[in-house]
């Protein structure tokens, strides 16, 4: 099994002509920012995290684009931290 993440896409006229795999999602974003790829595909929550870190300067997530079926995630927080759980859930949803 490969440790590489499939993430870099080179697009021409809406068709994928090249698909790259890289060791980490951050590497995919760097490739996007340096023009090595024209798009990056990974989990939306990861993409929005990169957009947030970038402060919306060079990155954006294309809305309403999905590839494959939805993936659902769970985050476990100790029961005594319910306010933290609520805040995390709200932040993820926003």
PDB file of N, CA and C in Angstrom:
ATOM      1  N   UNK A   1       0.839  -1.183   0.000  1.00  0.00           N
ATOM      2  CA  UNK A   1       0.000   0.000   0.000  1.00  0.00           C
ATOM      3  C   UNK A   1       0.883   1.246   0.000  1.00  0.00           C
ATOM      4  N   UNK A   2       0.534   2.215  -0.787  1.00  0.00           N
ATOM      5  CA  UNK A   2       1.316   3.427  -0.927  1.00  0.00           C
ATOM      6  C   UNK A   2       1.011   4.411   0.197  1.00  0.00           C
ATOM      7  N   UNK A   3       2.027   5.162   0.604  1.00  0.00           N
ATOM      8  CA  UNK A   3       1.837   6.216   1.593  1.00  0.00           C
ATOM      9  C   UNK A   3       1.528   7.551   0.927  1.00  0.00           C
ATOM     10  N   UNK A   4       1.314   7.547  -0.381  1.00  0.00           N
ATOM     11  CA  UNK A   4       1.071   8.783  -1.099  1.00  0.00           C
ATOM     12  C   UNK A   4      -0.417   9.104  -1.150  1.00  0.00           C
ATOM     13  N   UNK A   5      -0.729  10.388  -1.114  1.00  0.00           N
ATOM     14  CA  UNK A   5      -2.107  10.870  -1.175  1.00  0.00           C
ATOM     15  C   UNK A   5      -2.399  11.312  -2.604  1.00  0.00           C
ATOM     16  N   UNK A   6      -3.419  10.750  -3.268  1.00  0.00           N
ATOM     17  CA  UNK A   6      -3.774  11.260  -4.592  1.00  0.00           C
ATOM     18  C   UNK A   6      -4.434  12.622  -4.433  1.00  0.00           C
ATOM     19  N   UNK A   7      -3.839  13.659  -5.001  1.00  0.00           N
ATOM     20  CA  UNK A   7      -4.411  14.971  -4.733  1.00  0.00           C
ATOM     21  C   UNK A   7      -4.218  15.990  -5.839  1.00  0.00           C
ATOM     22  N   UNK A   8      -3.224  15.874  -6.677  1.00  0.00           N
ATOM     23  CA  UNK A   8      -2.975  16.914  -7.661  1.00  0.00           C
ATOM     24  C   UNK A   8      -3.573  16.565  -8.999  1.00  0.00           C
ATOM     25  N   UNK A   9      -4.315  17.464  -9.564  1.00  0.00           N
ATOM     26  CA  UNK A   9      -4.953  17.245 -10.851  1.00  0.00           C
ATOM     27  C   UNK A   9      -4.536  18.342 -11.821  1.00  0.00           C
ATOM     28  N   UNK A  10      -4.200  17.964 -13.015  1.00  0.00           N
ATOM     29  CA  UNK A  10      -3.983  18.955 -14.068  1.00  0.00           C
ATOM     30  C   UNK A  10      -5.180  18.861 -14.990  1.00  0.00           C
ATOM     31  N   UNK A  11      -5.859  19.958 -15.177  1.00  0.00           N
ATOM     32  CA  UNK A  11      -7.095  19.964 -15.943  1.00  0.00           C
ATOM     33  C   UNK A  11      -6.920  20.752 -17.238  1.00  0.00           C
ATOM     34  N   UNK A  12      -7.451  20.224 -18.303  1.00  0.00           N
ATOM     35  CA  UNK A  12      -7.497  20.937 -19.579  1.00  0.00           C
ATOM     36  C   UNK A  12      -8.891  20.759 -20.144  1.00  0.00           C
ATOM     37  N   UNK A  13      -9.565  21.854 -20.391  1.00  0.00           N
ATOM     38  CA  UNK A  13     -10.936  21.841 -20.934  1.00  0.00           C
ATOM     39  C   UNK A  13     -11.838  20.903 -20.145  1.00  0.00           C
ATOM     40  N   UNK A  14     -11.693  20.920 -18.815  1.00  0.00           N
ATOM     41  CA  UNK A  14     -12.563  20.133 -17.961  1.00  0.00           C
ATOM     42  C   UNK A  14     -12.214  18.662 -17.854  1.00  0.00           C
ATOM     43  N   UNK A  15     -11.160  18.203 -18.530  1.00  0.00           N
ATOM     44  CA  UNK A  15     -10.769  16.794 -18.467  1.00  0.00           C
ATOM     45  C   UNK A  15      -9.478  16.644 -17.673  1.00  0.00           C
ATOM     46  N   UNK A  16      -9.427  15.629 -16.850  1.00  0.00           N
ATOM     47  CA  UNK A  16      -8.216  15.360 -16.080  1.00  0.00           C
ATOM     48  C   UNK A  16      -7.197  14.735 -17.022  1.00  0.00           C
ATOM     49  N   UNK A  17      -6.040  15.391 -17.138  1.00  0.00           N
ATOM     50  CA  UNK A  17      -5.011  14.846 -18.014  1.00  0.00           C
ATOM     51  C   UNK A  17      -3.822  14.310 -17.235  1.00  0.00           C
ATOM     52  N   UNK A  18      -3.765  14.632 -15.954  1.00  0.00           N
ATOM     53  CA  UNK A  18      -2.647  14.174 -15.140  1.00  0.00           C
ATOM     54  C   UNK A  18      -3.097  14.122 -13.694  1.00  0.00           C
ATOM     55  N   UNK A  19      -2.833  13.036 -13.024  1.00  0.00           N
ATOM     56  CA  UNK A  19      -3.191  12.888 -11.622  1.00  0.00           C
ATOM     57  C   UNK A  19      -1.925  12.603 -10.846  1.00  0.00           C
ATOM     58  N   UNK A  20      -1.628  13.409  -9.834  1.00  0.00           N
ATOM     59  CA  UNK A  20      -0.422  13.240  -9.045  1.00  0.00           C
ATOM     60  C   UNK A  20      -0.755  12.746  -7.658  1.00  0.00           C
ATOM     61  N   UNK A  21       0.180  12.040  -7.066  1.00  0.00           N
ATOM     62  CA  UNK A  21       0.070  11.644  -5.671  1.00  0.00           C
ATOM     63  C   UNK A  21       1.273  12.215  -4.932  1.00  0.00           C
ATOM     64  N   UNK A  22       1.063  12.640  -3.693  1.00  0.00           N
ATOM     65  CA  UNK A  22       2.112  13.267  -2.912  1.00  0.00           C
ATOM     66  C   UNK A  22       2.069  12.746  -1.483  1.00  0.00           C
ATOM     67  N   UNK A  23       3.167  12.926  -0.736  1.00  0.00           N
ATOM     68  CA  UNK A  23       3.239  12.371   0.624  1.00  0.00           C
ATOM     69  C   UNK A  23       2.257  12.989   1.620  1.00  0.00           C
ATOM     70  N   UNK A  24       1.885  14.248   1.425  1.00  0.00           N
ATOM     71  CA  UNK A  24       1.004  14.922   2.387  1.00  0.00           C
ATOM     72  C   UNK A  24       0.124  15.941   1.671  1.00  0.00           C
ATOM     73  N   UNK A  25      -1.025  16.226   2.270  1.00  0.00           N
ATOM     74  CA  UNK A  25      -1.942  17.197   1.679  1.00  0.00           C
ATOM     75  C   UNK A  25      -1.275  18.561   1.531  1.00  0.00           C
ATOM     76  N   UNK A  26      -0.410  18.927   2.475  1.00  0.00           N
ATOM     77  CA  UNK A  26       0.308  20.206   2.384  1.00  0.00           C
ATOM     78  C   UNK A  26       1.147  20.268   1.112  1.00  0.00           C
ATOM     79  N   UNK A  27       1.738  19.138   0.706  1.00  0.00           N
ATOM     80  CA  UNK A  27       2.514  19.090  -0.534  1.00  0.00           C
ATOM     81  C   UNK A  27       1.616  19.357  -1.740  1.00  0.00           C
ATOM     82  N   UNK A  28       0.393  18.865  -1.693  1.00  0.00           N
ATOM     83  CA  UNK A  28      -0.565  19.097  -2.772  1.00  0.00           C
ATOM     84  C   UNK A  28      -0.884  20.580  -2.887  1.00  0.00           C
ATOM     85  N   UNK A  29      -1.079  21.234  -1.750  1.00  0.00           N
ATOM     86  CA  UNK A  29      -1.400  22.659  -1.744  1.00  0.00           C
ATOM     87  C   UNK A  29      -0.223  23.466  -2.276  1.00  0.00           C
ATOM     88  N   UNK A  30       0.997  23.102  -1.889  1.00  0.00           N
ATOM     89  CA  UNK A  30       2.181  23.803  -2.403  1.00  0.00           C
ATOM     90  C   UNK A  30       2.279  23.642  -3.917  1.00  0.00           C
ATOM     91  N   UNK A  31       1.990  22.440  -4.419  1.00  0.00           N
ATOM     92  CA  UNK A  31       2.015  22.205  -5.863  1.00  0.00           C
ATOM     93  C   UNK A  31       0.965  23.062  -6.569  1.00  0.00           C
ATOM     94  N   UNK A  32      -0.187  23.241  -5.943  1.00  0.00           N
ATOM     95  CA  UNK A  32      -1.234  24.095  -6.502  1.00  0.00           C
ATOM     96  C   UNK A  32      -0.773  25.555  -6.541  1.00  0.00           C
ATOM     97  N   UNK A  33      -0.200  26.011  -5.438  1.00  0.00           N
ATOM     98  CA  UNK A  33       0.218  27.405  -5.344  1.00  0.00           C
ATOM     99  C   UNK A  33       1.398  27.731  -6.270  1.00  0.00           C
ATOM    100  N   UNK A  34       2.193  26.726  -6.623  1.00  0.00           N
ATOM    101  CA  UNK A  34       3.332  26.966  -7.519  1.00  0.00           C
ATOM    102  C   UNK A  34       3.017  26.626  -8.962  1.00  0.00           C
ATOM    103  N   UNK A  35       1.765  26.246  -9.231  1.00  0.00           N
ATOM    104  CA  UNK A  35       1.342  26.005 -10.603  1.00  0.00           C
ATOM    105  C   UNK A  35       1.710  24.637 -11.168  1.00  0.00           C
ATOM    106  N   UNK A  36       2.170  23.731 -10.313  1.00  0.00           N
ATOM    107  CA  UNK A  36       2.489  22.379 -10.778  1.00  0.00           C
ATOM    108  C   UNK A  36       1.230  21.582 -11.093  1.00  0.00           C
ATOM    109  N   UNK A  37       0.131  21.912 -10.421  1.00  0.00           N
ATOM    110  CA  UNK A  37      -1.178  21.312 -10.688  1.00  0.00           C
ATOM    111  C   UNK A  37      -2.202  22.441 -10.732  1.00  0.00           C
ATOM    112  N   UNK A  38      -3.338  22.181 -11.351  1.00  0.00           N
ATOM    113  CA  UNK A  38      -4.354  23.224 -11.467  1.00  0.00           C
ATOM    114  C   UNK A  38      -5.512  23.066 -10.485  1.00  0.00           C
ATOM    115  N   UNK A  39      -5.561  21.945  -9.799  1.00  0.00           N
ATOM    116  CA  UNK A  39      -6.611  21.721  -8.808  1.00  0.00           C
ATOM    117  C   UNK A  39      -6.151  20.662  -7.825  1.00  0.00           C
ATOM    118  N   UNK A  40      -6.745  20.678  -6.646  1.00  0.00           N
ATOM    119  CA  UNK A  40      -6.463  19.687  -5.613  1.00  0.00           C
ATOM    120  C   UNK A  40      -7.792  19.139  -5.131  1.00  0.00           C
ATOM    121  N   UNK A  41      -7.849  17.836  -4.992  1.00  0.00           N
ATOM    122  CA  UNK A  41      -9.062  17.188  -4.507  1.00  0.00           C
ATOM    123  C   UNK A  41      -8.735  16.380  -3.263  1.00  0.00           C
ATOM    124  N   UNK A  42      -9.411  16.677  -2.165  1.00  0.00           N
ATOM    125  CA  UNK A  42      -9.309  15.905  -0.935  1.00  0.00           C
ATOM    126  C   UNK A  42     -10.549  16.224  -0.109  1.00  0.00           C
ATOM    127  N   UNK A  43     -10.599  15.800   1.125  1.00  0.00           N
ATOM    128  CA  UNK A  43     -11.764  16.045   1.970  1.00  0.00           C
ATOM    129  C   UNK A  43     -12.029  17.542   2.109  1.00  0.00           C
ATOM    130  N   UNK A  44     -13.308  17.926   2.062  1.00  0.00           N
ATOM    131  CA  UNK A  44     -13.664  19.340   2.142  1.00  0.00           C
ATOM    132  C   UNK A  44     -13.152  19.996   3.411  1.00  0.00           C
ATOM    133  N   UNK A  45     -13.258  19.309   4.543  1.00  0.00           N
ATOM    134  CA  UNK A  45     -12.835  19.927   5.800  1.00  0.00           C
ATOM    135  C   UNK A  45     -11.335  20.219   5.758  1.00  0.00           C
ATOM    136  N   UNK A  46     -10.553  19.373   5.095  1.00  0.00           N
ATOM    137  CA  UNK A  46      -9.119  19.623   4.938  1.00  0.00           C
ATOM    138  C   UNK A  46      -8.902  20.822   4.024  1.00  0.00           C
ATOM    139  N   UNK A  47      -9.641  20.867   2.909  1.00  0.00           N
ATOM    140  CA  UNK A  47      -9.506  21.989   1.980  1.00  0.00           C
ATOM    141  C   UNK A  47      -9.862  23.314   2.653  1.00  0.00           C
ATOM    142  N   UNK A  48     -10.971  23.339   3.401  1.00  0.00           N
ATOM    143  CA  UNK A  48     -11.359  24.571   4.081  1.00  0.00           C
ATOM    144  C   UNK A  48     -10.322  24.978   5.126  1.00  0.00           C
ATOM    145  N   UNK A  49      -9.646  24.011   5.738  1.00  0.00           N
ATOM    146  CA  UNK A  49      -8.560  24.320   6.675  1.00  0.00           C
ATOM    147  C   UNK A  49      -7.423  25.043   5.978  1.00  0.00           C
ATOM    148  N   UNK A  50      -7.070  24.573   4.772  1.00  0.00           N
ATOM    149  CA  UNK A  50      -6.012  25.246   4.010  1.00  0.00           C
ATOM    150  C   UNK A  50      -6.446  26.651   3.586  1.00  0.00           C
ATOM    151  N   UNK A  51      -7.708  26.807   3.191  1.00  0.00           N
ATOM    152  CA  UNK A  51      -8.211  28.133   2.821  1.00  0.00           C
ATOM    153  C   UNK A  51      -8.130  29.071   4.024  1.00  0.00           C
ATOM    154  N   UNK A  52      -8.501  28.560   5.196  1.00  0.00           N
ATOM    155  CA  UNK A  52      -8.454  29.370   6.418  1.00  0.00           C
ATOM    156  C   UNK A  52      -7.014  29.799   6.721  1.00  0.00           C
ATOM    157  N   UNK A  53      -6.058  28.862   6.614  1.00  0.00           N
ATOM    158  CA  UNK A  53      -4.650  29.191   6.860  1.00  0.00           C
ATOM    159  C   UNK A  53      -4.145  30.227   5.855  1.00  0.00           C
ATOM    160  N   UNK A  54      -4.640  30.158   4.644  1.00  0.00           N
ATOM    161  CA  UNK A  54      -4.242  31.060   3.561  1.00  0.00           C
ATOM    162  C   UNK A  54      -4.945  32.408   3.673  1.00  0.00           C
ATOM    163  N   UNK A  55      -5.888  32.517   4.587  1.00  0.00           N
ATOM    164  CA  UNK A  55      -6.698  33.725   4.780  1.00  0.00           C
ATOM    165  C   UNK A  55      -7.413  34.137   3.493  1.00  0.00           C
ATOM    166  N   UNK A  56      -7.749  33.143   2.665  1.00  0.00           N
ATOM    167  CA  UNK A  56      -8.511  33.410   1.450  1.00  0.00           C
ATOM    168  C   UNK A  56      -7.758  34.196   0.394  1.00  0.00           C
ATOM    169  N   UNK A  57      -6.443  34.272   0.490  1.00  0.00           N
ATOM    170  CA  UNK A  57      -5.662  35.071  -0.454  1.00  0.00           C
ATOM    171  C   UNK A  57      -5.517  34.404  -1.813  1.00  0.00           C
ATOM    172  N   UNK A  58      -5.143  33.124  -1.833  1.00  0.00           N
ATOM    173  CA  UNK A  58      -4.894  32.456  -3.115  1.00  0.00           C
ATOM    174  C   UNK A  58      -5.719  31.195  -3.312  1.00  0.00           C
ATOM    175  N   UNK A  59      -6.341  30.712  -2.244  1.00  0.00           N
ATOM    176  CA  UNK A  59      -7.059  29.437  -2.317  1.00  0.00           C
ATOM    177  C   UNK A  59      -8.556  29.634  -2.130  1.00  0.00           C
ATOM    178  N   UNK A  60      -9.336  28.787  -2.793  1.00  0.00           N
ATOM    179  CA  UNK A  60     -10.773  28.746  -2.552  1.00  0.00           C
ATOM    180  C   UNK A  60     -11.270  27.331  -2.805  1.00  0.00           C
ATOM    181  N   UNK A  61     -12.346  26.982  -2.148  1.00  0.00           N
ATOM    182  CA  UNK A  61     -12.988  25.691  -2.354  1.00  0.00           C
ATOM    183  C   UNK A  61     -14.160  25.919  -3.300  1.00  0.00           C
ATOM    184  N   UNK A  62     -14.214  25.150  -4.361  1.00  0.00           N
ATOM    185  CA  UNK A  62     -15.322  25.268  -5.306  1.00  0.00           C
ATOM    186  C   UNK A  62     -16.554  24.634  -4.647  1.00  0.00           C
ATOM    187  N   UNK A  63     -17.625  25.404  -4.465  1.00  0.00           N
ATOM    188  CA  UNK A  63     -18.801  24.865  -3.779  1.00  0.00           C
ATOM    189  C   UNK A  63     -19.536  23.822  -4.626  1.00  0.00           C
ATOM    190  N   UNK A  64     -20.215  22.934  -3.944  1.00  0.00           N
ATOM    191  CA  UNK A  64     -21.103  21.948  -4.571  1.00  0.00           C
ATOM    192  C   UNK A  64     -20.407  20.988  -5.528  1.00  0.00           C
ATOM    193  N   UNK A  65     -19.109  20.744  -5.331  1.00  0.00           N
ATOM    194  CA  UNK A  65     -18.402  19.748  -6.133  1.00  0.00           C
ATOM    195  C   UNK A  65     -18.113  18.564  -5.220  1.00  0.00           C
ATOM    196  N   UNK A  66     -18.584  17.414  -5.615  1.00  0.00           N
ATOM    197  CA  UNK A  66     -18.312  16.204  -4.842  1.00  0.00           C
ATOM    198  C   UNK A  66     -17.809  15.120  -5.779  1.00  0.00           C
ATOM    199  N   UNK A  67     -16.923  14.298  -5.248  1.00  0.00           N
ATOM    200  CA  UNK A  67     -16.398  13.158  -5.988  1.00  0.00           C
ATOM    201  C   UNK A  67     -16.632  11.934  -5.112  1.00  0.00           C
ATOM    202  N   UNK A  68     -17.422  11.002  -5.591  1.00  0.00           N
ATOM    203  CA  UNK A  68     -17.703   9.802  -4.807  1.00  0.00           C
ATOM    204  C   UNK A  68     -18.755  10.046  -3.745  1.00  0.00           C
ATOM    205  N   UNK A  69     -18.915   9.071  -2.876  1.00  0.00           N
ATOM    206  CA  UNK A  69     -19.932   9.160  -1.829  1.00  0.00           C
ATOM    207  C   UNK A  69     -19.385   9.929  -0.625  1.00  0.00           C
ATOM    208  N   UNK A  70     -20.287  10.511   0.182  1.00  0.00           N
ATOM    209  CA  UNK A  70     -19.843  11.267   1.361  1.00  0.00           C
ATOM    210  C   UNK A  70     -19.125  10.374   2.362  1.00  0.00           C
ATOM    211  N   UNK A  71     -18.168  10.945   3.063  1.00  0.00           N
ATOM    212  CA  UNK A  71     -17.490  10.275   4.172  1.00  0.00           C
ATOM    213  C   UNK A  71     -17.897  10.989   5.449  1.00  0.00           C
ATOM    214  N   UNK A  72     -18.228  10.235   6.457  1.00  0.00           N
ATOM    215  CA  UNK A  72     -18.628  10.823   7.725  1.00  0.00           C
ATOM    216  C   UNK A  72     -17.521  10.595   8.739  1.00  0.00           C
ATOM    217  N   UNK A  73     -17.260  11.622   9.547  1.00  0.00           N
ATOM    218  CA  UNK A  73     -16.180  11.572  10.516  1.00  0.00           C
ATOM    219  C   UNK A  73     -16.738  11.674  11.914  1.00  0.00           C
ATOM    220  N   UNK A  74     -16.015  11.126  12.847  1.00  0.00           N
ATOM    221  CA  UNK A  74     -16.374  11.259  14.245  1.00  0.00           C
ATOM    222  C   UNK A  74     -15.187  11.820  15.003  1.00  0.00           C
ATOM    223  N   UNK A  75     -15.483  12.642  15.989  1.00  0.00           N
ATOM    224  CA  UNK A  75     -14.457  13.193  16.857  1.00  0.00           C
ATOM    225  C   UNK A  75     -14.883  12.878  18.273  1.00  0.00           C
ATOM    226  N   UNK A  76     -14.003  12.265  19.036  1.00  0.00           N
ATOM    227  CA  UNK A  76     -14.342  11.908  20.400  1.00  0.00           C
ATOM    228  C   UNK A  76     -13.733  12.922  21.351  1.00  0.00           C
ATOM    229  N   UNK A  77     -14.583  13.444  22.227  1.00  0.00           N
ATOM    230  CA  UNK A  77     -14.144  14.367  23.270  1.00  0.00           C
ATOM    231  C   UNK A  77     -14.703  13.842  24.587  1.00  0.00           C
ATOM    232  N   UNK A  78     -13.916  13.936  25.628  1.00  0.00           N
ATOM    233  CA  UNK A  78     -14.335  13.486  26.945  1.00  0.00           C
ATOM    234  C   UNK A  78     -15.689  14.087  27.319  1.00  0.00           C
ATOM    235  N   UNK A  79     -16.536  13.282  27.936  1.00  0.00           N
ATOM    236  CA  UNK A  79     -17.901  13.684  28.280  1.00  0.00           C
ATOM    237  C   UNK A  79     -17.951  14.971  29.109  1.00  0.00           C
ATOM    238  N   UNK A  80     -16.926  15.225  29.898  1.00  0.00           N
ATOM    239  CA  UNK A  80     -16.923  16.414  30.753  1.00  0.00           C
ATOM    240  C   UNK A  80     -16.631  17.701  29.970  1.00  0.00           C
ATOM    241  N   UNK A  81     -16.404  17.588  28.675  1.00  0.00           N
ATOM    242  CA  UNK A  81     -16.079  18.756  27.840  1.00  0.00           C
ATOM    243  C   UNK A  81     -17.180  19.053  26.825  1.00  0.00           C
ATOM    244  N   UNK A  82     -18.433  18.971  27.228  1.00  0.00           N
ATOM    245  CA  UNK A  82     -19.555  19.193  26.305  1.00  0.00           C
ATOM    246  C   UNK A  82     -19.521  20.572  25.622  1.00  0.00           C
ATOM    247  N   UNK A  83     -19.186  21.647  26.330  1.00  0.00           N
ATOM    248  CA  UNK A  83     -19.127  22.950  25.627  1.00  0.00           C
ATOM    249  C   UNK A  83     -18.074  22.941  24.507  1.00  0.00           C
ATOM    250  N   UNK A  84     -16.942  22.292  24.745  1.00  0.00           N
ATOM    251  CA  UNK A  84     -15.912  22.192  23.709  1.00  0.00           C
ATOM    252  C   UNK A  84     -16.427  21.390  22.518  1.00  0.00           C
ATOM    253  N   UNK A  85     -17.164  20.333  22.799  1.00  0.00           N
ATOM    254  CA  UNK A  85     -17.732  19.492  21.744  1.00  0.00           C
ATOM    255  C   UNK A  85     -18.697  20.307  20.887  1.00  0.00           C
ATOM    256  N   UNK A  86     -19.570  21.091  21.528  1.00  0.00           N
ATOM    257  CA  UNK A  86     -20.534  21.923  20.805  1.00  0.00           C
ATOM    258  C   UNK A  86     -19.807  22.953  19.933  1.00  0.00           C
ATOM    259  N   UNK A  87     -18.779  23.599  20.490  1.00  0.00           N
ATOM    260  CA  UNK A  87     -18.031  24.592  19.724  1.00  0.00           C
ATOM    261  C   UNK A  87     -17.334  23.952  18.527  1.00  0.00           C
ATOM    262  N   UNK A  88     -16.723  22.790  18.730  1.00  0.00           N
ATOM    263  CA  UNK A  88     -16.051  22.093  17.631  1.00  0.00           C
ATOM    264  C   UNK A  88     -17.049  21.716  16.539  1.00  0.00           C
ATOM    265  N   UNK A  89     -18.187  21.185  16.928  1.00  0.00           N
ATOM    266  CA  UNK A  89     -19.219  20.808  15.948  1.00  0.00           C
ATOM    267  C   UNK A  89     -19.691  22.017  15.153  1.00  0.00           C
ATOM    268  N   UNK A  90     -19.902  23.140  15.850  1.00  0.00           N
ATOM    269  CA  UNK A  90     -20.315  24.381  15.168  1.00  0.00           C
ATOM    270  C   UNK A  90     -19.240  24.866  14.207  1.00  0.00           C
ATOM    271  N   UNK A  91     -17.985  24.838  14.639  1.00  0.00           N
ATOM    272  CA  UNK A  91     -16.882  25.288  13.792  1.00  0.00           C
ATOM    273  C   UNK A  91     -16.742  24.427  12.550  1.00  0.00           C
ATOM    274  N   UNK A  92     -16.867  23.118  12.692  1.00  0.00           N
ATOM    275  CA  UNK A  92     -16.756  22.225  11.555  1.00  0.00           C
ATOM    276  C   UNK A  92     -17.890  22.488  10.576  1.00  0.00           C
ATOM    277  N   UNK A  93     -19.098  22.674  11.110  1.00  0.00           N
ATOM    278  CA  UNK A  93     -20.221  22.909  10.223  1.00  0.00           C
ATOM    279  C   UNK A  93     -20.136  24.250   9.505  1.00  0.00           C
ATOM    280  N   UNK A  94     -19.580  25.244  10.170  1.00  0.00           N
ATOM    281  CA  UNK A  94     -19.400  26.556   9.530  1.00  0.00           C
ATOM    282  C   UNK A  94     -18.272  26.503   8.542  1.00  0.00           C
TER     283      UNK A  94
END
